[in-house]
Amino acid sequence: MFKQLKSLVSGGLQVEPAPVPCRKYEARLEDYLQGAADVELTEHLSQCGDCRAALERSRLGGELLREAWEPVGEPQSAFLAGVMARIREEKARAESPAAFWNPLEFLASRLSLSAAALLLALSVYMVGFGPRRTPSVPPSAGSELRAADFPQPPGDPESNDEVFQSLVETDNGN
């Protein structure tokens, strides 16, 4: 059957126009395939190889189409057993106590998907249309402060007398 199909496809791809004298028979080939009696076409087919080949290709194509539309038949027992096992599994899963959570899992997945979409939309808005931040301008070289610009603290006193003296001078020793 596959060889016939291959020859039909390869023959069908190489469609050449019928010779001029055969064109008047071309339209009558379909009726001839359906069983209509046509003496003139029968006589032409006995003499013309191209029309015989076209008739054979058409006959083969019709057979292949009829076979394709026929029901395949009963399913194999292994296929039927597999389908029935899946049905039993689904029924057991639906009747189990854990089946209570299935709608909530569905709702949670939809909610998380919606939240992710909302977060993406807000992110795009903030990047594209949100308030603009002005970048902080680093101080220029002229306004930069150095350690020498600040008063230096006095050094550590060398003795306790110097500490007492500095307290008296600042009037902290009341």
N, C-alpha and C. Protein backbone atom coordinates (compact mmCIF):
# COMPACT_ATOMS: atom_id res chain seq x y z
N MET A 1 0.83 -1.19 0.00
CA MET A 1 0.00 0.00 0.00
C MET A 1 0.88 1.26 0.00
N PHE A 2 2.00 1.21 0.78
CA PHE A 2 2.86 2.39 0.83
C PHE A 2 3.55 2.63 -0.50
N LYS A 3 3.89 1.57 -1.20
CA LYS A 3 4.49 1.74 -2.52
C LYS A 3 3.51 2.40 -3.47
N GLN A 4 2.23 2.00 -3.35
CA GLN A 4 1.22 2.61 -4.20
C GLN A 4 1.06 4.09 -3.85
N LEU A 5 1.06 4.37 -2.55
CA LEU A 5 0.94 5.76 -2.13
C LEU A 5 2.12 6.59 -2.62
N LYS A 6 3.33 6.02 -2.51
CA LYS A 6 4.52 6.72 -2.97
C LYS A 6 4.46 6.98 -4.47
N SER A 7 4.03 5.98 -5.22
CA SER A 7 3.94 6.18 -6.66
C SER A 7 2.85 7.18 -7.01
N LEU A 8 1.76 7.18 -6.22
CA LEU A 8 0.70 8.14 -6.46
C LEU A 8 1.18 9.56 -6.19
N VAL A 9 1.89 9.73 -5.06
CA VAL A 9 2.39 11.05 -4.71
C VAL A 9 3.42 11.52 -5.73
N SER A 10 4.34 10.65 -6.08
CA SER A 10 5.35 11.07 -7.04
C SER A 10 4.73 11.29 -8.41
N GLY A 11 3.75 10.47 -8.77
CA GLY A 11 3.05 10.67 -10.04
C GLY A 11 2.18 11.90 -9.98
N GLY A 12 1.61 12.17 -8.81
CA GLY A 12 0.73 13.33 -8.67
C GLY A 12 1.51 14.63 -8.68
N LEU A 13 2.77 14.59 -8.24
CA LEU A 13 3.56 15.81 -8.23
C LEU A 13 4.04 16.20 -9.62
N GLN A 14 4.11 15.23 -10.50
CA GLN A 14 4.59 15.50 -11.84
C GLN A 14 3.41 15.59 -12.80
N VAL A 15 2.54 16.51 -12.54
CA VAL A 15 1.35 16.66 -13.36
C VAL A 15 1.73 17.41 -14.62
N GLU A 16 1.46 16.76 -15.71
CA GLU A 16 1.71 17.39 -17.00
C GLU A 16 0.38 17.61 -17.68
N PRO A 17 0.23 18.67 -18.42
CA PRO A 17 -1.05 18.88 -19.10
C PRO A 17 -1.30 17.77 -20.12
N ALA A 18 -2.55 17.41 -20.24
CA ALA A 18 -2.90 16.35 -21.18
C ALA A 18 -2.68 16.85 -22.61
N PRO A 19 -2.30 15.93 -23.50
CA PRO A 19 -2.17 16.34 -24.91
C PRO A 19 -3.51 16.87 -25.41
N VAL A 20 -3.44 17.69 -26.43
CA VAL A 20 -4.63 18.37 -26.93
C VAL A 20 -5.76 17.39 -27.29
N PRO A 21 -5.53 16.27 -27.99
CA PRO A 21 -6.66 15.39 -28.31
C PRO A 21 -7.25 14.73 -27.06
N CYS A 22 -6.48 14.58 -25.94
CA CYS A 22 -6.96 13.91 -24.74
C CYS A 22 -7.79 14.82 -23.84
N ARG A 23 -7.78 16.08 -24.05
CA ARG A 23 -8.49 17.00 -23.16
C ARG A 23 -9.99 16.77 -23.17
N LYS A 24 -10.53 16.33 -24.28
CA LYS A 24 -11.97 16.10 -24.32
C LYS A 24 -12.36 14.88 -23.50
N TYR A 25 -11.40 13.97 -23.23
CA TYR A 25 -11.67 12.79 -22.42
C TYR A 25 -11.35 13.02 -20.94
N GLU A 26 -10.60 14.04 -20.69
CA GLU A 26 -10.14 14.31 -19.33
C GLU A 26 -11.30 14.49 -18.35
N ALA A 27 -12.31 15.21 -18.71
CA ALA A 27 -13.44 15.46 -17.82
C ALA A 27 -14.30 14.21 -17.64
N ARG A 28 -14.25 13.29 -18.56
CA ARG A 28 -15.09 12.09 -18.50
C ARG A 28 -14.46 10.96 -17.70
N LEU A 29 -13.20 11.11 -17.31
CA LEU A 29 -12.51 10.04 -16.57
C LEU A 29 -13.17 9.79 -15.21
N GLU A 30 -13.61 10.83 -14.53
CA GLU A 30 -14.23 10.67 -13.21
C GLU A 30 -15.52 9.87 -13.31
N ASP A 31 -16.33 10.20 -14.29
CA ASP A 31 -17.57 9.44 -14.49
C ASP A 31 -17.26 7.99 -14.83
N TYR A 32 -16.22 7.78 -15.61
CA TYR A 32 -15.82 6.42 -15.99
C TYR A 32 -15.40 5.63 -14.74
N LEU A 33 -14.71 6.28 -13.83
CA LEU A 33 -14.31 5.62 -12.57
C LEU A 33 -15.52 5.25 -11.73
N GLN A 34 -16.59 6.06 -11.80
CA GLN A 34 -17.80 5.80 -11.03
C GLN A 34 -18.63 4.67 -11.64
N GLY A 35 -18.26 4.21 -12.83
CA GLY A 35 -18.97 3.07 -13.44
C GLY A 35 -19.82 3.44 -14.63
N ALA A 36 -19.77 4.67 -15.08
CA ALA A 36 -20.56 5.07 -16.24
C ALA A 36 -19.98 4.43 -17.49
N ALA A 37 -20.83 3.91 -18.32
CA ALA A 37 -20.38 3.26 -19.57
C ALA A 37 -20.09 4.35 -20.60
N ASP A 38 -18.92 4.28 -21.20
CA ASP A 38 -18.52 5.25 -22.22
C ASP A 38 -17.66 4.50 -23.23
N VAL A 39 -18.28 4.12 -24.33
CA VAL A 39 -17.60 3.31 -25.34
C VAL A 39 -16.45 4.07 -25.98
N GLU A 40 -16.67 5.34 -26.26
CA GLU A 40 -15.64 6.15 -26.91
C GLU A 40 -14.41 6.29 -26.00
N LEU A 41 -14.64 6.50 -24.69
CA LEU A 41 -13.53 6.64 -23.74
C LEU A 41 -12.80 5.31 -23.58
N THR A 42 -13.54 4.19 -23.56
CA THR A 42 -12.91 2.87 -23.46
C THR A 42 -12.00 2.63 -24.65
N GLU A 43 -12.46 3.00 -25.82
CA GLU A 43 -11.64 2.83 -27.04
C GLU A 43 -10.40 3.72 -26.97
N HIS A 44 -10.57 4.96 -26.46
CA HIS A 44 -9.43 5.89 -26.34
C HIS A 44 -8.41 5.36 -25.33
N LEU A 45 -8.90 4.80 -24.21
CA LEU A 45 -7.99 4.27 -23.19
C LEU A 45 -7.17 3.09 -23.71
N SER A 46 -7.73 2.32 -24.61
CA SER A 46 -6.99 1.18 -25.18
C SER A 46 -5.85 1.66 -26.06
N GLN A 47 -5.92 2.90 -26.55
CA GLN A 47 -4.89 3.42 -27.45
C GLN A 47 -3.94 4.41 -26.77
N CYS A 48 -4.39 5.11 -25.70
CA CYS A 48 -3.60 6.21 -25.10
C CYS A 48 -3.03 5.78 -23.74
N GLY A 49 -1.72 5.66 -23.66
CA GLY A 49 -1.04 5.27 -22.42
C GLY A 49 -1.11 6.34 -21.35
N ASP A 50 -1.07 7.62 -21.75
CA ASP A 50 -1.14 8.71 -20.77
C ASP A 50 -2.47 8.72 -20.04
N CYS A 51 -3.54 8.52 -20.77
CA CYS A 51 -4.87 8.52 -20.14
C CYS A 51 -5.05 7.29 -19.27
N ARG A 52 -4.49 6.15 -19.71
CA ARG A 52 -4.56 4.94 -18.87
C ARG A 52 -3.84 5.17 -17.55
N ALA A 53 -2.65 5.80 -17.62
CA ALA A 53 -1.89 6.08 -16.40
C ALA A 53 -2.64 7.05 -15.50
N ALA A 54 -3.27 8.07 -16.09
CA ALA A 54 -4.05 9.04 -15.30
C ALA A 54 -5.24 8.35 -14.66
N LEU A 55 -5.89 7.44 -15.39
CA LEU A 55 -7.02 6.71 -14.84
C LEU A 55 -6.58 5.81 -13.69
N GLU A 56 -5.43 5.16 -13.84
CA GLU A 56 -4.92 4.28 -12.77
C GLU A 56 -4.55 5.09 -11.53
N ARG A 57 -3.92 6.26 -11.73
CA ARG A 57 -3.59 7.11 -10.59
C ARG A 57 -4.85 7.58 -9.88
N SER A 58 -5.87 7.94 -10.63
CA SER A 58 -7.14 8.37 -10.03
C SER A 58 -7.80 7.23 -9.28
N ARG A 59 -7.77 6.04 -9.85
CA ARG A 59 -8.36 4.88 -9.18
C ARG A 59 -7.63 4.60 -7.87
N LEU A 60 -6.31 4.63 -7.89
CA LEU A 60 -5.51 4.38 -6.70
C LEU A 60 -5.76 5.45 -5.64
N GLY A 61 -5.84 6.70 -6.06
CA GLY A 61 -6.12 7.79 -5.13
C GLY A 61 -7.47 7.62 -4.48
N GLY A 62 -8.48 7.23 -5.24
CA GLY A 62 -9.80 6.99 -4.68
C GLY A 62 -9.80 5.85 -3.68
N GLU A 63 -9.07 4.78 -3.98
CA GLU A 63 -8.97 3.65 -3.05
C GLU A 63 -8.30 4.07 -1.75
N LEU A 64 -7.24 4.84 -1.87
CA LEU A 64 -6.54 5.30 -0.66
C LEU A 64 -7.44 6.19 0.19
N LEU A 65 -8.20 7.07 -0.44
CA LEU A 65 -9.10 7.93 0.31
C LEU A 65 -10.20 7.12 1.00
N ARG A 66 -10.75 6.14 0.30
CA ARG A 66 -11.79 5.32 0.92
C ARG A 66 -11.23 4.54 2.10
N GLU A 67 -10.02 4.02 1.98
CA GLU A 67 -9.40 3.30 3.09
C GLU A 67 -9.12 4.22 4.27
N ALA A 68 -8.76 5.46 3.97
CA ALA A 68 -8.46 6.40 5.05
C ALA A 68 -9.72 6.75 5.84
N TRP A 69 -10.87 6.76 5.20
CA TRP A 69 -12.10 7.13 5.88
C TRP A 69 -12.76 5.97 6.60
N GLU A 70 -12.33 4.76 6.32
CA GLU A 70 -12.92 3.60 6.99
C GLU A 70 -12.45 3.58 8.44
N PRO A 71 -13.34 3.14 9.36
CA PRO A 71 -12.91 3.02 10.76
C PRO A 71 -11.80 1.99 10.90
N VAL A 72 -10.91 2.25 11.81
CA VAL A 72 -9.76 1.37 12.00
C VAL A 72 -10.17 0.05 12.62
N GLY A 73 -11.15 0.07 13.48
CA GLY A 73 -11.59 -1.15 14.15
C GLY A 73 -11.56 -0.94 15.65
N GLU A 74 -11.67 -2.01 16.36
CA GLU A 74 -11.68 -1.97 17.81
C GLU A 74 -10.28 -1.64 18.33
N PRO A 75 -10.19 -0.89 19.44
CA PRO A 75 -8.87 -0.60 20.00
C PRO A 75 -8.24 -1.87 20.57
N GLN A 76 -6.94 -1.88 20.60
CA GLN A 76 -6.22 -3.03 21.14
C GLN A 76 -6.45 -3.12 22.65
N SER A 77 -6.31 -4.31 23.19
CA SER A 77 -6.61 -4.52 24.61
C SER A 77 -5.65 -3.75 25.51
N ALA A 78 -4.38 -3.61 25.13
CA ALA A 78 -3.42 -2.87 25.95
C ALA A 78 -3.81 -1.39 26.01
N PHE A 79 -4.26 -0.84 24.91
CA PHE A 79 -4.70 0.55 24.89
C PHE A 79 -5.91 0.74 25.79
N LEU A 80 -6.86 -0.16 25.66
CA LEU A 80 -8.08 -0.09 26.46
C LEU A 80 -7.76 -0.21 27.96
N ALA A 81 -6.84 -1.12 28.31
CA ALA A 81 -6.46 -1.30 29.72
C ALA A 81 -5.78 -0.04 30.25
N GLY A 82 -4.94 0.59 29.45
CA GLY A 82 -4.27 1.81 29.87
C GLY A 82 -5.25 2.95 30.11
N VAL A 83 -6.22 3.10 29.22
CA VAL A 83 -7.21 4.16 29.37
C VAL A 83 -8.05 3.93 30.62
N MET A 84 -8.46 2.69 30.84
CA MET A 84 -9.27 2.39 32.02
C MET A 84 -8.47 2.62 33.31
N ALA A 85 -7.18 2.29 33.31
CA ALA A 85 -6.35 2.53 34.48
C ALA A 85 -6.26 4.03 34.79
N ARG A 86 -6.10 4.85 33.75
CA ARG A 86 -6.04 6.30 33.95
C ARG A 86 -7.36 6.84 34.49
N ILE A 87 -8.47 6.28 34.01
CA ILE A 87 -9.78 6.71 34.51
C ILE A 87 -9.91 6.38 35.99
N ARG A 88 -9.47 5.18 36.38
CA ARG A 88 -9.54 4.81 37.79
C ARG A 88 -8.65 5.69 38.65
N GLU A 89 -7.46 6.02 38.16
CA GLU A 89 -6.55 6.90 38.91
C GLU A 89 -7.18 8.29 39.11
N GLU A 90 -7.76 8.82 38.05
CA GLU A 90 -8.38 10.15 38.15
C GLU A 90 -9.57 10.12 39.11
N LYS A 91 -10.34 9.04 39.10
CA LYS A 91 -11.48 8.93 39.99
C LYS A 91 -11.01 8.85 41.44
N ALA A 92 -9.96 8.05 41.69
CA ALA A 92 -9.42 7.93 43.05
C ALA A 92 -8.85 9.27 43.52
N ARG A 93 -8.19 9.99 42.64
CA ARG A 93 -7.62 11.29 43.00
C ARG A 93 -8.73 12.29 43.31
N ALA A 94 -9.81 12.23 42.56
CA ALA A 94 -10.92 13.16 42.79
C ALA A 94 -11.64 12.86 44.10
N GLU A 95 -11.66 11.60 44.52
CA GLU A 95 -12.36 11.22 45.74
C GLU A 95 -11.47 11.27 46.98
N SER A 96 -10.19 11.53 46.81
CA SER A 96 -9.28 11.54 47.95
C SER A 96 -9.48 12.82 48.78
N PRO A 97 -9.09 12.78 50.08
CA PRO A 97 -9.23 13.98 50.93
C PRO A 97 -8.38 15.15 50.42
N ALA A 98 -7.30 14.86 49.75
CA ALA A 98 -6.42 15.93 49.25
C ALA A 98 -7.07 16.70 48.10
N ALA A 99 -8.14 16.15 47.52
CA ALA A 99 -8.81 16.83 46.41
C ALA A 99 -9.42 18.15 46.86
N PHE A 100 -9.63 18.31 48.17
CA PHE A 100 -10.17 19.56 48.71
C PHE A 100 -9.28 20.74 48.34
N TRP A 101 -7.97 20.53 48.29
CA TRP A 101 -7.02 21.63 48.08
C TRP A 101 -6.85 21.99 46.62
N ASN A 102 -7.32 21.17 45.72
CA ASN A 102 -7.11 21.44 44.29
C ASN A 102 -7.64 22.80 43.85
N PRO A 103 -8.87 23.19 44.21
CA PRO A 103 -9.32 24.53 43.79
C PRO A 103 -8.49 25.65 44.42
N LEU A 104 -8.04 25.43 45.65
CA LEU A 104 -7.23 26.47 46.30
C LEU A 104 -5.86 26.60 45.63
N GLU A 105 -5.30 25.47 45.21
CA GLU A 105 -4.03 25.52 44.49
C GLU A 105 -4.20 26.29 43.18
N PHE A 106 -5.32 26.03 42.52
CA PHE A 106 -5.59 26.74 41.26
C PHE A 106 -5.72 28.24 41.52
N LEU A 107 -6.46 28.59 42.57
CA LEU A 107 -6.63 30.00 42.91
C LEU A 107 -5.30 30.66 43.28
N ALA A 108 -4.49 29.94 44.06
CA ALA A 108 -3.19 30.49 44.45
C ALA A 108 -2.29 30.71 43.25
N SER A 109 -2.32 29.78 42.30
CA SER A 109 -1.48 29.96 41.12
C SER A 109 -1.94 31.16 40.31
N ARG A 110 -3.25 31.35 40.18
CA ARG A 110 -3.75 32.51 39.44
C ARG A 110 -3.43 33.81 40.17
N LEU A 111 -3.55 33.79 41.49
CA LEU A 111 -3.25 34.99 42.27
C LEU A 111 -1.78 35.36 42.15
N SER A 112 -0.90 34.38 42.23
CA SER A 112 0.53 34.69 42.11
C SER A 112 0.87 35.19 40.71
N LEU A 113 0.21 34.63 39.70
CA LEU A 113 0.45 35.10 38.34
C LEU A 113 -0.04 36.55 38.19
N SER A 114 -1.18 36.86 38.78
CA SER A 114 -1.70 38.23 38.70
C SER A 114 -0.78 39.20 39.46
N ALA A 115 -0.29 38.77 40.62
CA ALA A 115 0.61 39.64 41.38
C ALA A 115 1.91 39.89 40.62
N ALA A 116 2.42 38.86 39.96
CA ALA A 116 3.64 39.04 39.18
C ALA A 116 3.41 40.00 38.02
N ALA A 117 2.25 39.90 37.37
CA ALA A 117 1.95 40.81 36.26
C ALA A 117 1.81 42.24 36.76
N LEU A 118 1.17 42.42 37.91
CA LEU A 118 1.02 43.75 38.50
C LEU A 118 2.38 44.34 38.88
N LEU A 119 3.23 43.51 39.47
CA LEU A 119 4.57 43.97 39.84
C LEU A 119 5.37 44.38 38.61
N LEU A 120 5.25 43.62 37.54
CA LEU A 120 5.94 43.97 36.30
C LEU A 120 5.40 45.29 35.75
N ALA A 121 4.09 45.46 35.77
CA ALA A 121 3.50 46.70 35.26
C ALA A 121 3.95 47.90 36.09
N LEU A 122 3.96 47.77 37.41
CA LEU A 122 4.41 48.87 38.25
C LEU A 122 5.89 49.17 38.04
N SER A 123 6.69 48.15 37.85
CA SER A 123 8.12 48.36 37.60
C SER A 123 8.33 49.13 36.31
N VAL A 124 7.59 48.74 35.28
CA VAL A 124 7.71 49.45 34.00
C VAL A 124 7.27 50.89 34.16
N TYR A 125 6.19 51.12 34.91
CA TYR A 125 5.73 52.49 35.13
C TYR A 125 6.78 53.31 35.87
N MET A 126 7.35 52.74 36.93
CA MET A 126 8.34 53.48 37.72
C MET A 126 9.58 53.81 36.90
N VAL A 127 9.99 52.89 36.05
CA VAL A 127 11.18 53.15 35.24
C VAL A 127 10.87 54.18 34.15
N GLY A 128 9.72 54.04 33.52
CA GLY A 128 9.41 54.91 32.39
C GLY A 128 8.76 56.22 32.74
N PHE A 129 7.86 56.23 33.74
CA PHE A 129 7.05 57.42 33.99
C PHE A 129 7.17 57.93 35.42
N GLY A 130 7.93 57.29 36.25
CA GLY A 130 8.05 57.68 37.65
C GLY A 130 8.79 58.99 37.82
N PRO A 131 8.82 59.48 39.05
CA PRO A 131 9.52 60.75 39.29
C PRO A 131 11.01 60.60 38.99
N ARG A 132 11.54 61.64 38.39
CA ARG A 132 12.96 61.62 38.02
C ARG A 132 13.78 62.03 39.24
N ARG A 133 14.82 61.33 39.47
CA ARG A 133 15.74 61.68 40.55
C ARG A 133 16.92 62.41 39.94
N THR A 134 17.28 63.51 40.54
CA THR A 134 18.45 64.22 40.05
C THR A 134 19.66 63.60 40.73
N PRO A 135 20.63 63.28 39.98
CA PRO A 135 21.82 62.67 40.58
C PRO A 135 22.55 63.69 41.45
N SER A 136 23.05 63.22 42.57
CA SER A 136 23.78 64.13 43.46
C SER A 136 25.07 64.56 42.76
N VAL A 137 25.30 65.88 42.77
CA VAL A 137 26.46 66.44 42.09
C VAL A 137 27.64 66.39 43.06
N PRO A 138 28.72 65.78 42.65
CA PRO A 138 29.89 65.77 43.54
C PRO A 138 30.44 67.19 43.67
N PRO A 139 30.97 67.52 44.85
CA PRO A 139 31.49 68.89 45.03
C PRO A 139 32.64 69.14 44.08
N SER A 140 32.70 70.37 43.62
CA SER A 140 33.77 70.71 42.68
C SER A 140 35.10 70.77 43.42
N ALA A 141 36.14 70.78 42.68
CA ALA A 141 37.48 70.75 43.27
C ALA A 141 37.74 72.00 44.12
N GLY A 142 37.15 73.14 43.77
CA GLY A 142 37.37 74.38 44.52
C GLY A 142 36.63 74.39 45.85
N SER A 143 35.55 73.73 45.98
CA SER A 143 34.79 73.77 47.22
C SER A 143 35.09 72.57 48.12
N GLU A 144 36.04 71.80 47.77
CA GLU A 144 36.41 70.64 48.57
C GLU A 144 37.14 71.09 49.83
N LEU A 145 36.76 70.53 50.96
CA LEU A 145 37.37 70.92 52.22
C LEU A 145 38.55 70.00 52.52
N ARG A 146 39.56 70.61 53.14
CA ARG A 146 40.74 69.84 53.53
C ARG A 146 40.88 69.89 55.05
N ALA A 147 41.69 69.04 55.57
CA ALA A 147 41.89 68.98 57.03
C ALA A 147 42.49 70.28 57.56
N ALA A 148 43.24 70.95 56.74
CA ALA A 148 43.87 72.20 57.20
C ALA A 148 42.85 73.32 57.36
N ASP A 149 41.67 73.19 56.76
CA ASP A 149 40.64 74.22 56.86
C ASP A 149 39.96 74.22 58.22
N PHE A 150 40.09 73.18 58.98
CA PHE A 150 39.45 73.07 60.30
C PHE A 150 40.47 73.38 61.38
N PRO A 151 40.01 73.99 62.50
CA PRO A 151 40.97 74.27 63.58
C PRO A 151 41.44 72.97 64.20
N GLN A 152 42.68 72.93 64.51
CA GLN A 152 43.26 71.73 65.08
C GLN A 152 43.10 71.76 66.61
N PRO A 153 42.74 70.65 67.19
CA PRO A 153 42.62 70.62 68.66
C PRO A 153 44.00 70.73 69.30
N PRO A 154 44.01 71.25 70.50
CA PRO A 154 45.32 71.36 71.17
C PRO A 154 45.89 69.97 71.43
N GLY A 155 47.13 69.88 71.51
CA GLY A 155 47.79 68.61 71.75
C GLY A 155 47.53 68.11 73.16
N ASP A 156 47.93 66.94 73.47
CA ASP A 156 47.75 66.38 74.81
C ASP A 156 48.61 67.14 75.81
N PRO A 157 48.05 67.42 76.98
CA PRO A 157 48.87 68.13 77.99
C PRO A 157 49.99 67.23 78.49
N GLU A 158 51.10 67.87 78.82
CA GLU A 158 52.26 67.11 79.26
C GLU A 158 52.19 66.78 80.75
N SER A 159 51.45 67.59 81.51
CA SER A 159 51.35 67.33 82.95
C SER A 159 49.99 67.74 83.45
N ASN A 160 49.73 67.43 84.72
CA ASN A 160 48.44 67.79 85.33
C ASN A 160 48.33 69.30 85.53
N ASP A 161 49.42 69.97 85.68
CA ASP A 161 49.38 71.42 85.86
C ASP A 161 48.84 72.11 84.61
N GLU A 162 49.20 71.61 83.46
CA GLU A 162 48.68 72.19 82.22
C GLU A 162 47.18 71.97 82.09
N VAL A 163 46.66 70.85 82.55
CA VAL A 163 45.22 70.57 82.51
C VAL A 163 44.52 71.56 83.41
N PHE A 164 45.05 71.76 84.66
CA PHE A 164 44.43 72.72 85.57
C PHE A 164 44.46 74.12 85.01
N GLN A 165 45.54 74.48 84.41
CA GLN A 165 45.71 75.82 83.83
C GLN A 165 44.67 76.03 82.73
N SER A 166 44.44 75.02 81.83
CA SER A 166 43.48 75.19 80.72
C SER A 166 42.05 75.27 81.27
N LEU A 167 41.77 74.60 82.35
CA LEU A 167 40.43 74.68 82.95
C LEU A 167 40.18 76.05 83.55
N VAL A 168 41.16 76.63 84.17
CA VAL A 168 41.02 77.93 84.77
C VAL A 168 40.84 78.99 83.68
N GLU A 169 41.57 78.88 82.61
CA GLU A 169 41.50 79.85 81.56
C GLU A 169 40.13 79.85 80.86
N THR A 170 39.52 78.70 80.74
CA THR A 170 38.22 78.64 80.04
C THR A 170 37.07 78.82 81.02
N ASP A 171 37.39 79.03 82.29
CA ASP A 171 36.40 79.28 83.34
C ASP A 171 35.50 78.08 83.58
N ASN A 172 36.05 76.91 83.34
CA ASN A 172 35.31 75.68 83.64
C ASN A 172 35.59 75.17 85.04
N GLY A 173 36.52 75.69 85.68
CA GLY A 173 36.88 75.21 87.00
C GLY A 173 36.21 76.01 88.09
N ASN A 174 35.16 76.66 87.94
CA ASN A 174 34.46 77.52 88.89
C ASN A 174 34.95 77.37 90.27
